[in-house]
Amino acid sequence: MGYDFITSIGKSSIQALIDNKESKIEMSLFDENLKEIIENNTRYILRQNPLRRDEIRETRESKQERLKGFIKEKTDYYNTHYRAKSTTLQKHIDKKISDLKLNKFVTVTISYKEGNVKRINKNQEEVLKTKEIATTTIEIDKKEKTKIEQLDGCYVVTSSLIDTSKDSKEDIHKAYKTLIKVENAFKTLKTEFLEIRPLYLKTDERIQGHIALSMHAYNITLKLKGFTKESELDFKSTIRELSTVKTVVNRINQAIKFETIPTVSDTLKTLFTNMKLKFPTKI
């Protein structure tokens, strides 16, 4: 239809390009500076974000420490409870490794040796019972781990804009990075404050109306975010303060009824001043 695209590819696709002998893309091209390769009418812009790389590796090491603590806890429980089953111990450990996504380079071996476990009998007496006592050994495949670490912080932006005289790699990279604004917009609409979903509307007209109102609300949210930033205020805590503003119903001799708004906090006063908003004292 005449449209060009700017998008990105996942780690598995990046690895496939590196492994492809016909491709010019190789691991040595990834560093803090942008690099580009044009092949098969596609432009590939490569970079490794050092901050993101270190963050990913720190998280991976943290997961390994969490796994060690989890294994110790489950092993100690198994070894001190007579009725605890070895199959359950194995199941818990395997699941934890999978949940932490460490199964590509972490394996755990469990060995058993006959021992004794203290148990309270029917007469509330402490007795020793024979049981297979577990010993766990964590093994790290350093070669596989190093291979996984190679792509930490690496990303590849792809585009059909292959004319380098019209669009520089910096311009394409910058355009791709603005997608985070779109993602944040949808996050705000769907989950954070406006909660556009779930929808329980039966007709297209009502759905369209609901979405239109949500978009108007999002524009208000953007304005409010701008004012809170100018006022050097935290947006989420300011929203919470706004939600506490309520009116008080006043009655005089049961004949006169009116509503007033109590004095707001200093935070909201600062916000309203920057917004040039005169907050009403009564309704």
C-alpha atoms as a PDB file:
ATOM      1  CA  MET A   1       0.000   0.000   0.000  1.00  0.00           C
ATOM      2  CA  GLY A   2       3.029   2.275  -0.222  1.00  0.00           C
ATOM      3  CA  TYR A   3       3.862   2.319   3.498  1.00  0.00           C
ATOM      4  CA  ASP A   4       7.343   1.757   4.911  1.00  0.00           C
ATOM      5  CA  PHE A   5       7.967   0.175   8.283  1.00  0.00           C
ATOM      6  CA  ILE A   6      10.233   0.525  11.305  1.00  0.00           C
ATOM      7  CA  THR A   7      10.134  -2.311  13.806  1.00  0.00           C
ATOM      8  CA  SER A   8      12.420  -4.581  15.809  1.00  0.00           C
ATOM      9  CA  ILE A   9      13.155  -8.285  16.041  1.00  0.00           C
ATOM     10  CA  GLY A  10      13.471 -10.620  19.023  1.00  0.00           C
ATOM     11  CA  LYS A  11      16.564 -12.344  20.362  1.00  0.00           C
ATOM     12  CA  SER A  12      15.850 -15.623  18.584  1.00  0.00           C
ATOM     13  CA  SER A  13      15.687 -13.789  15.236  1.00  0.00           C
ATOM     14  CA  ILE A  14      18.876 -11.872  16.043  1.00  0.00           C
ATOM     15  CA  GLN A  15      20.655 -15.133  16.864  1.00  0.00           C
ATOM     16  CA  ALA A  16      19.378 -16.650  13.610  1.00  0.00           C
ATOM     17  CA  LEU A  17      20.901 -13.749  11.642  1.00  0.00           C
ATOM     18  CA  ILE A  18      24.230 -14.129  13.470  1.00  0.00           C
ATOM     19  CA  ASP A  19      24.251 -17.882  12.790  1.00  0.00           C
ATOM     20  CA  ASN A  20      23.346 -17.358   9.115  1.00  0.00           C
ATOM     21  CA  LYS A  21      26.607 -17.589   7.158  1.00  0.00           C
ATOM     22  CA  GLU A  22      25.090 -15.598   4.283  1.00  0.00           C
ATOM     23  CA  SER A  23      24.329 -12.627   6.548  1.00  0.00           C
ATOM     24  CA  LYS A  24      26.839  -9.868   7.287  1.00  0.00           C
ATOM     25  CA  ILE A  25      25.451  -9.422  10.798  1.00  0.00           C
ATOM     26  CA  GLU A  26      27.886 -10.664  13.436  1.00  0.00           C
ATOM     27  CA  MET A  27      28.330 -10.340  17.177  1.00  0.00           C
ATOM     28  CA  SER A  28      31.290  -7.942  16.891  1.00  0.00           C
ATOM     29  CA  LEU A  29      29.017  -5.242  15.409  1.00  0.00           C
ATOM     30  CA  PHE A  30      27.073  -4.800  18.637  1.00  0.00           C
ATOM     31  CA  ASP A  31      28.374  -1.969  20.813  1.00  0.00           C
ATOM     32  CA  GLU A  32      27.165   1.351  22.232  1.00  0.00           C
ATOM     33  CA  ASN A  33      27.394   3.082  18.838  1.00  0.00           C
ATOM     34  CA  LEU A  34      24.810   2.442  16.143  1.00  0.00           C
ATOM     35  CA  LYS A  35      25.839   0.150  13.279  1.00  0.00           C
ATOM     36  CA  GLU A  36      23.824  -0.720  10.197  1.00  0.00           C
ATOM     37  CA  ILE A  37      23.696  -3.461   7.593  1.00  0.00           C
ATOM     38  CA  ILE A  38      21.512  -3.466   4.480  1.00  0.00           C
ATOM     39  CA  GLU A  39      20.679  -6.831   2.948  1.00  0.00           C
ATOM     40  CA  ASN A  40      17.667  -8.448   1.277  1.00  0.00           C
ATOM     41  CA  ASN A  41      16.030  -4.998   0.884  1.00  0.00           C
ATOM     42  CA  THR A  42      15.956  -4.622   4.666  1.00  0.00           C
ATOM     43  CA  ARG A  43      17.920  -2.217   6.793  1.00  0.00           C
ATOM     44  CA  TYR A  44      19.225  -3.564  10.116  1.00  0.00           C
ATOM     45  CA  ILE A  45      20.328  -1.062  12.775  1.00  0.00           C
ATOM     46  CA  LEU A  46      22.285  -2.706  15.602  1.00  0.00           C
ATOM     47  CA  ARG A  47      23.182  -1.553  19.087  1.00  0.00           C
ATOM     48  CA  GLN A  48      24.030  -2.847  22.540  1.00  0.00           C
ATOM     49  CA  ASN A  49      22.775  -0.747  25.421  1.00  0.00           C
ATOM     50  CA  PRO A  50      25.455  -1.100  28.155  1.00  0.00           C
ATOM     51  CA  LEU A  51      23.094  -0.015  30.951  1.00  0.00           C
ATOM     52  CA  ARG A  52      20.475  -2.530  29.898  1.00  0.00           C
ATOM     53  CA  ARG A  53      23.168  -5.223  29.483  1.00  0.00           C
ATOM     54  CA  ASP A  54      24.410  -4.727  33.050  1.00  0.00           C
ATOM     55  CA  GLU A  55      20.846  -4.611  34.362  1.00  0.00           C
ATOM     56  CA  ILE A  56      19.951  -7.928  32.685  1.00  0.00           C
ATOM     57  CA  ARG A  57      23.092  -9.630  33.999  1.00  0.00           C
ATOM     58  CA  GLU A  58      22.501  -8.320  37.507  1.00  0.00           C
ATOM     59  CA  THR A  59      18.936  -9.654  37.381  1.00  0.00           C
ATOM     60  CA  ARG A  60      20.178 -13.045  36.169  1.00  0.00           C
ATOM     61  CA  GLU A  61      22.665 -13.289  39.046  1.00  0.00           C
ATOM     62  CA  SER A  62      19.930 -12.250  41.468  1.00  0.00           C
ATOM     63  CA  LYS A  63      17.703 -15.039  40.146  1.00  0.00           C
ATOM     64  CA  GLN A  64      20.481 -17.569  40.766  1.00  0.00           C
ATOM     65  CA  GLU A  65      20.780 -16.407  44.388  1.00  0.00           C
ATOM     66  CA  ARG A  66      17.010 -16.649  44.805  1.00  0.00           C
ATOM     67  CA  LEU A  67      17.115 -20.164  43.385  1.00  0.00           C
ATOM     68  CA  LYS A  68      19.826 -21.193  45.873  1.00  0.00           C
ATOM     69  CA  GLY A  69      17.767 -19.908  48.772  1.00  0.00           C
ATOM     70  CA  PHE A  70      14.624 -21.632  47.470  1.00  0.00           C
ATOM     71  CA  ILE A  71      16.425 -24.971  47.022  1.00  0.00           C
ATOM     72  CA  LYS A  72      17.894 -24.775  50.529  1.00  0.00           C
ATOM     73  CA  GLU A  73      14.476 -24.011  52.011  1.00  0.00           C
ATOM     74  CA  LYS A  74      12.746 -26.897  50.202  1.00  0.00           C
ATOM     75  CA  THR A  75      15.587 -29.350  50.894  1.00  0.00           C
ATOM     76  CA  ASP A  76      15.646 -28.471  54.593  1.00  0.00           C
ATOM     77  CA  TYR A  77      11.889 -28.969  54.763  1.00  0.00           C
ATOM     78  CA  TYR A  78      12.128 -32.365  53.046  1.00  0.00           C
ATOM     79  CA  ASN A  79      14.979 -33.502  55.317  1.00  0.00           C
ATOM     80  CA  THR A  80      13.151 -32.558  58.522  1.00  0.00           C
ATOM     81  CA  HIS A  81       9.666 -33.855  57.652  1.00  0.00           C
ATOM     82  CA  TYR A  82       9.270 -37.600  57.622  1.00  0.00           C
ATOM     83  CA  ARG A  83       6.254 -37.643  55.287  1.00  0.00           C
ATOM     84  CA  ALA A  84       7.705 -35.213  52.732  1.00  0.00           C
ATOM     85  CA  LYS A  85       8.158 -36.883  49.344  1.00  0.00           C
ATOM     86  CA  SER A  86      11.226 -36.794  47.125  1.00  0.00           C
ATOM     87  CA  THR A  87       9.044 -36.456  43.999  1.00  0.00           C
ATOM     88  CA  THR A  88       7.499 -33.295  45.429  1.00  0.00           C
ATOM     89  CA  LEU A  89      10.949 -31.866  46.178  1.00  0.00           C
ATOM     90  CA  GLN A  90      12.067 -32.530  42.593  1.00  0.00           C
ATOM     91  CA  LYS A  91       8.849 -31.032  41.208  1.00  0.00           C
ATOM     92  CA  HIS A  92       9.209 -27.814  43.235  1.00  0.00           C
ATOM     93  CA  ILE A  93      12.842 -27.327  42.202  1.00  0.00           C
ATOM     94  CA  ASP A  94      12.204 -28.006  38.495  1.00  0.00           C
ATOM     95  CA  LYS A  95       9.278 -25.589  38.465  1.00  0.00           C
ATOM     96  CA  LYS A  96      11.289 -22.840  40.160  1.00  0.00           C
ATOM     97  CA  ILE A  97      14.128 -23.192  37.646  1.00  0.00           C
ATOM     98  CA  SER A  98      11.599 -22.966  34.812  1.00  0.00           C
ATOM     99  CA  ASP A  99       9.765 -19.982  36.357  1.00  0.00           C
ATOM    100  CA  LEU A 100      13.053 -18.078  36.736  1.00  0.00           C
ATOM    101  CA  LYS A 101      13.973 -18.985  33.132  1.00  0.00           C
ATOM    102  CA  LEU A 102      17.310 -20.467  34.207  1.00  0.00           C
ATOM    103  CA  ASN A 103      16.773 -23.931  32.732  1.00  0.00           C
ATOM    104  CA  LYS A 104      19.059 -23.291  29.744  1.00  0.00           C
ATOM    105  CA  PHE A 105      22.208 -23.238  31.861  1.00  0.00           C
ATOM    106  CA  VAL A 106      21.233 -24.361  35.377  1.00  0.00           C
ATOM    107  CA  THR A 107      20.701 -27.972  36.438  1.00  0.00           C
ATOM    108  CA  VAL A 108      20.154 -29.343  39.927  1.00  0.00           C
ATOM    109  CA  THR A 109      21.181 -32.850  40.940  1.00  0.00           C
ATOM    110  CA  ILE A 110      19.585 -34.428  44.008  1.00  0.00           C
ATOM    111  CA  SER A 111      21.337 -37.345  45.694  1.00  0.00           C
ATOM    112  CA  TYR A 112      19.943 -39.366  48.592  1.00  0.00           C
ATOM    113  CA  LYS A 113      21.591 -41.108  51.524  1.00  0.00           C
ATOM    114  CA  GLU A 114      19.902 -43.006  54.336  1.00  0.00           C
ATOM    115  CA  GLY A 115      19.561 -41.017  57.537  1.00  0.00           C
ATOM    116  CA  ASN A 116      17.294 -40.305  60.484  1.00  0.00           C
ATOM    117  CA  VAL A 117      14.469 -37.830  60.985  1.00  0.00           C
ATOM    118  CA  LYS A 118      12.947 -36.839  64.322  1.00  0.00           C
ATOM    119  CA  ARG A 119       9.211 -37.435  64.574  1.00  0.00           C
ATOM    120  CA  ILE A 120       6.562 -37.153  67.299  1.00  0.00           C
ATOM    121  CA  ASN A 121       4.572 -40.383  67.794  1.00  0.00           C
ATOM    122  CA  LYS A 122       1.018 -40.850  69.077  1.00  0.00           C
ATOM    123  CA  ASN A 123       2.227 -40.679  72.674  1.00  0.00           C
ATOM    124  CA  GLN A 124       3.805 -37.266  71.956  1.00  0.00           C
ATOM    125  CA  GLU A 125       7.242 -38.826  72.266  1.00  0.00           C
ATOM    126  CA  GLU A 126      10.173 -37.887  70.035  1.00  0.00           C
ATOM    127  CA  VAL A 127      11.416 -40.857  68.014  1.00  0.00           C
ATOM    128  CA  LEU A 128      13.879 -41.330  65.160  1.00  0.00           C
ATOM    129  CA  LYS A 129      12.654 -42.581  61.804  1.00  0.00           C
ATOM    130  CA  THR A 130      14.803 -43.777  58.929  1.00  0.00           C
ATOM    131  CA  LYS A 131      14.522 -41.691  55.760  1.00  0.00           C
ATOM    132  CA  GLU A 132      16.463 -40.930  52.582  1.00  0.00           C
ATOM    133  CA  ILE A 133      18.129 -37.559  53.280  1.00  0.00           C
ATOM    134  CA  ALA A 134      18.553 -35.291  50.236  1.00  0.00           C
ATOM    135  CA  THR A 135      21.656 -33.384  49.160  1.00  0.00           C
ATOM    136  CA  THR A 136      21.300 -30.918  46.291  1.00  0.00           C
ATOM    137  CA  THR A 137      24.027 -29.782  43.922  1.00  0.00           C
ATOM    138  CA  ILE A 138      23.590 -26.794  41.596  1.00  0.00           C
ATOM    139  CA  GLU A 139      25.538 -26.976  38.331  1.00  0.00           C
ATOM    140  CA  ILE A 140      26.096 -23.980  36.039  1.00  0.00           C
ATOM    141  CA  ASP A 141      26.868 -24.583  32.366  1.00  0.00           C
ATOM    142  CA  LYS A 142      29.313 -21.680  31.982  1.00  0.00           C
ATOM    143  CA  LYS A 143      29.641 -22.130  28.232  1.00  0.00           C
ATOM    144  CA  GLU A 144      25.880 -21.925  27.697  1.00  0.00           C
ATOM    145  CA  LYS A 145      25.589 -19.014  30.130  1.00  0.00           C
ATOM    146  CA  THR A 146      28.294 -17.079  28.259  1.00  0.00           C
ATOM    147  CA  LYS A 147      26.455 -17.714  24.999  1.00  0.00           C
ATOM    148  CA  ILE A 148      23.221 -16.349  26.477  1.00  0.00           C
ATOM    149  CA  GLU A 149      25.021 -13.298  27.899  1.00  0.00           C
ATOM    150  CA  GLN A 150      26.336 -12.314  24.467  1.00  0.00           C
ATOM    151  CA  LEU A 151      22.994 -10.795  23.468  1.00  0.00           C
ATOM    152  CA  ASP A 152      22.317  -9.026  26.768  1.00  0.00           C
ATOM    153  CA  GLY A 153      21.278  -5.451  26.001  1.00  0.00           C
ATOM    154  CA  CYS A 154      21.449  -6.089  22.243  1.00  0.00           C
ATOM    155  CA  TYR A 155      18.639  -5.082  19.944  1.00  0.00           C
ATOM    156  CA  VAL A 156      18.084  -4.779  16.208  1.00  0.00           C
ATOM    157  CA  VAL A 157      15.777  -2.243  14.572  1.00  0.00           C
ATOM    158  CA  THR A 158      14.682  -3.210  11.066  1.00  0.00           C
ATOM    159  CA  SER A 159      13.235  -0.972   8.386  1.00  0.00           C
ATOM    160  CA  SER A 160      12.289  -0.925   4.726  1.00  0.00           C
ATOM    161  CA  LEU A 161      13.860   2.567   4.464  1.00  0.00           C
ATOM    162  CA  ILE A 162      17.064   1.506   2.734  1.00  0.00           C
ATOM    163  CA  ASP A 163      17.954   4.861   1.118  1.00  0.00           C
ATOM    164  CA  THR A 164      20.660   6.133   3.473  1.00  0.00           C
ATOM    165  CA  SER A 165      20.774   9.531   1.730  1.00  0.00           C
ATOM    166  CA  LYS A 166      17.192  10.260   2.829  1.00  0.00           C
ATOM    167  CA  ASP A 167      17.074   8.662   6.275  1.00  0.00           C
ATOM    168  CA  SER A 168      20.085   8.286   8.534  1.00  0.00           C
ATOM    169  CA  LYS A 169      20.374   5.365  10.949  1.00  0.00           C
ATOM    170  CA  GLU A 170      20.139   7.887  13.801  1.00  0.00           C
ATOM    171  CA  ASP A 171      16.790   9.181  12.495  1.00  0.00           C
ATOM    172  CA  ILE A 172      15.353   5.675  12.146  1.00  0.00           C
ATOM    173  CA  HIS A 173      16.610   4.686  15.587  1.00  0.00           C
ATOM    174  CA  LYS A 174      15.089   7.840  17.098  1.00  0.00           C
ATOM    175  CA  ALA A 175      11.772   7.155  15.363  1.00  0.00           C
ATOM    176  CA  TYR A 176      11.711   3.632  16.762  1.00  0.00           C
ATOM    177  CA  LYS A 177      12.452   4.855  20.291  1.00  0.00           C
ATOM    178  CA  THR A 178       9.343   7.084  20.175  1.00  0.00           C
ATOM    179  CA  LEU A 179       7.245   3.903  20.156  1.00  0.00           C
ATOM    180  CA  ILE A 180       7.618   3.875  23.938  1.00  0.00           C
ATOM    181  CA  LYS A 181       5.285   6.880  23.991  1.00  0.00           C
ATOM    182  CA  VAL A 182       2.652   4.877  22.132  1.00  0.00           C
ATOM    183  CA  GLU A 183       3.113   1.921  24.493  1.00  0.00           C
ATOM    184  CA  ASN A 184       2.805   4.188  27.527  1.00  0.00           C
ATOM    185  CA  ALA A 185      -0.348   5.718  26.069  1.00  0.00           C
ATOM    186  CA  PHE A 186      -2.002   2.317  25.722  1.00  0.00           C
ATOM    187  CA  LYS A 187      -0.813   1.349  29.209  1.00  0.00           C
ATOM    188  CA  THR A 188      -2.433   4.467  30.654  1.00  0.00           C
ATOM    189  CA  LEU A 189      -5.634   3.875  28.689  1.00  0.00           C
ATOM    190  CA  LYS A 190      -5.968   0.192  29.544  1.00  0.00           C
ATOM    191  CA  THR A 191      -4.644  -0.240  33.044  1.00  0.00           C
ATOM    192  CA  GLU A 192      -3.291   2.694  35.023  1.00  0.00           C
ATOM    193  CA  PHE A 193      -5.944   5.368  35.517  1.00  0.00           C
ATOM    194  CA  LEU A 194      -8.507   5.321  32.752  1.00  0.00           C
ATOM    195  CA  GLU A 195      -9.109   1.554  32.564  1.00  0.00           C
ATOM    196  CA  ILE A 196     -10.678   1.467  29.113  1.00  0.00           C
ATOM    197  CA  ARG A 197     -11.011  -2.304  29.467  1.00  0.00           C
ATOM    198  CA  PRO A 198     -12.822  -4.528  30.061  1.00  0.00           C
ATOM    199  CA  LEU A 199     -15.690  -3.352  27.866  1.00  0.00           C
ATOM    200  CA  TYR A 200     -19.256  -4.482  28.569  1.00  0.00           C
ATOM    201  CA  LEU A 201     -21.042  -2.711  25.730  1.00  0.00           C
ATOM    202  CA  LYS A 202     -23.346  -4.353  23.215  1.00  0.00           C
ATOM    203  CA  THR A 203     -23.357  -2.020  20.201  1.00  0.00           C
ATOM    204  CA  ASP A 204     -20.567  -0.654  18.015  1.00  0.00           C
ATOM    205  CA  GLU A 205     -21.851   2.874  18.555  1.00  0.00           C
ATOM    206  CA  ARG A 206     -21.518   2.597  22.338  1.00  0.00           C
ATOM    207  CA  ILE A 207     -18.060   1.043  22.069  1.00  0.00           C
ATOM    208  CA  GLN A 208     -16.906   3.864  19.791  1.00  0.00           C
ATOM    209  CA  GLY A 209     -18.383   6.409  22.186  1.00  0.00           C
ATOM    210  CA  HIS A 210     -16.601   4.817  25.138  1.00  0.00           C
ATOM    211  CA  ILE A 211     -13.266   4.839  23.307  1.00  0.00           C
ATOM    212  CA  ALA A 212     -13.784   8.464  22.179  1.00  0.00           C
ATOM    213  CA  LEU A 213     -14.409   9.531  25.790  1.00  0.00           C
ATOM    214  CA  SER A 214     -11.350   7.567  26.895  1.00  0.00           C
ATOM    215  CA  MET A 215      -9.193   9.371  24.333  1.00  0.00           C
ATOM    216  CA  HIS A 216     -10.481  12.741  25.594  1.00  0.00           C
ATOM    217  CA  ALA A 217      -9.696  11.602  29.149  1.00  0.00           C
ATOM    218  CA  TYR A 218      -6.199  10.578  28.012  1.00  0.00           C
ATOM    219  CA  ASN A 219      -5.587  14.069  26.625  1.00  0.00           C
ATOM    220  CA  ILE A 220      -6.593  15.494  30.004  1.00  0.00           C
ATOM    221  CA  THR A 221      -4.214  13.017  31.665  1.00  0.00           C
ATOM    222  CA  LEU A 222      -1.361  14.175  29.412  1.00  0.00           C
ATOM    223  CA  LYS A 223      -2.031  17.800  30.341  1.00  0.00           C
ATOM    224  CA  LEU A 224      -2.151  16.903  34.017  1.00  0.00           C
ATOM    225  CA  LYS A 225       1.142  14.998  33.727  1.00  0.00           C
ATOM    226  CA  GLY A 226       2.688  18.082  32.153  1.00  0.00           C
ATOM    227  CA  PHE A 227       1.511  20.336  34.981  1.00  0.00           C
ATOM    228  CA  THR A 228       2.706  17.932  37.704  1.00  0.00           C
ATOM    229  CA  LYS A 229       6.117  17.758  36.029  1.00  0.00           C
ATOM    230  CA  GLU A 230       6.341  21.568  35.886  1.00  0.00           C
ATOM    231  CA  SER A 231       5.329  21.683  39.571  1.00  0.00           C
ATOM    232  CA  GLU A 232       8.001  19.058  40.400  1.00  0.00           C
ATOM    233  CA  LEU A 233       5.331  16.746  41.823  1.00  0.00           C
ATOM    234  CA  ASP A 234       4.944  12.986  41.620  1.00  0.00           C
ATOM    235  CA  PHE A 235       2.075  12.225  39.243  1.00  0.00           C
ATOM    236  CA  LYS A 236       0.711   9.095  40.954  1.00  0.00           C
ATOM    237  CA  SER A 237       0.724  10.566  44.457  1.00  0.00           C
ATOM    238  CA  THR A 238      -0.899  13.745  43.098  1.00  0.00           C
ATOM    239  CA  ILE A 239      -3.668  11.661  41.525  1.00  0.00           C
ATOM    240  CA  ARG A 240      -4.219   9.960  44.874  1.00  0.00           C
ATOM    241  CA  GLU A 241      -4.492  13.357  46.573  1.00  0.00           C
ATOM    242  CA  LEU A 242      -6.966  14.573  43.953  1.00  0.00           C
ATOM    243  CA  SER A 243      -9.139  11.533  44.601  1.00  0.00           C
ATOM    244  CA  THR A 244      -9.436  12.514  48.283  1.00  0.00           C
ATOM    245  CA  VAL A 245     -10.966  15.919  47.511  1.00  0.00           C
ATOM    246  CA  LYS A 246     -14.625  15.724  48.506  1.00  0.00           C
ATOM    247  CA  THR A 247     -17.479  18.120  49.150  1.00  0.00           C
ATOM    248  CA  VAL A 248     -19.161  18.672  52.496  1.00  0.00           C
ATOM    249  CA  VAL A 249     -22.928  19.076  52.663  1.00  0.00           C
ATOM    250  CA  ASN A 250     -24.009  22.025  54.830  1.00  0.00           C
ATOM    251  CA  ARG A 251     -27.554  22.512  56.139  1.00  0.00           C
ATOM    252  CA  ILE A 252     -29.054  25.546  57.840  1.00  0.00           C
ATOM    253  CA  ASN A 253     -32.311  24.959  59.719  1.00  0.00           C
ATOM    254  CA  GLN A 254     -33.146  22.124  57.322  1.00  0.00           C
ATOM    255  CA  ALA A 255     -34.235  24.801  54.824  1.00  0.00           C
ATOM    256  CA  ILE A 256     -30.962  25.820  53.202  1.00  0.00           C
ATOM    257  CA  LYS A 257     -28.584  23.212  51.787  1.00  0.00           C
ATOM    258  CA  PHE A 258     -25.277  23.851  50.015  1.00  0.00           C
ATOM    259  CA  GLU A 259     -21.963  22.070  49.416  1.00  0.00           C
ATOM    260  CA  THR A 260     -18.507  23.402  50.211  1.00  0.00           C
ATOM    261  CA  ILE A 261     -15.027  22.079  49.420  1.00  0.00           C
ATOM    262  CA  PRO A 262     -12.554  21.958  52.320  1.00  0.00           C
ATOM    263  CA  THR A 263      -9.117  23.522  51.939  1.00  0.00           C
ATOM    264  CA  VAL A 264      -6.824  21.344  49.792  1.00  0.00           C
ATOM    265  CA  SER A 265      -3.243  20.317  50.570  1.00  0.00           C
ATOM    266  CA  ASP A 266      -0.178  22.447  49.746  1.00  0.00           C
ATOM    267  CA  THR A 267       0.665  20.000  46.959  1.00  0.00           C
ATOM    268  CA  LEU A 268      -2.661  20.597  45.218  1.00  0.00           C
ATOM    269  CA  LYS A 269      -2.427  24.347  45.826  1.00  0.00           C
ATOM    270  CA  THR A 270       0.910  24.352  43.972  1.00  0.00           C
ATOM    271  CA  LEU A 271      -0.587  22.318  41.133  1.00  0.00           C
ATOM    272  CA  PHE A 272      -3.673  24.542  40.787  1.00  0.00           C
ATOM    273  CA  THR A 273      -1.512  27.684  40.835  1.00  0.00           C
ATOM    274  CA  ASN A 274       0.575  26.405  37.905  1.00  0.00           C
ATOM    275  CA  MET A 275      -2.608  25.373  36.102  1.00  0.00           C
ATOM    276  CA  LYS A 276      -4.028  28.864  36.728  1.00  0.00           C
ATOM    277  CA  LEU A 277      -7.040  27.088  38.126  1.00  0.00           C
ATOM    278  CA  LYS A 278      -9.167  28.860  40.696  1.00  0.00           C
ATOM    279  CA  PHE A 279     -10.510  26.082  42.871  1.00  0.00           C
ATOM    280  CA  PRO A 280     -14.118  26.731  43.945  1.00  0.00           C
ATOM    281  CA  THR A 281     -14.879  26.845  47.659  1.00  0.00           C
ATOM    282  CA  LYS A 282     -18.521  25.888  47.250  1.00  0.00           C
ATOM    283  CA  ILE A 283     -20.817  24.305  44.681  1.00  0.00           C
END
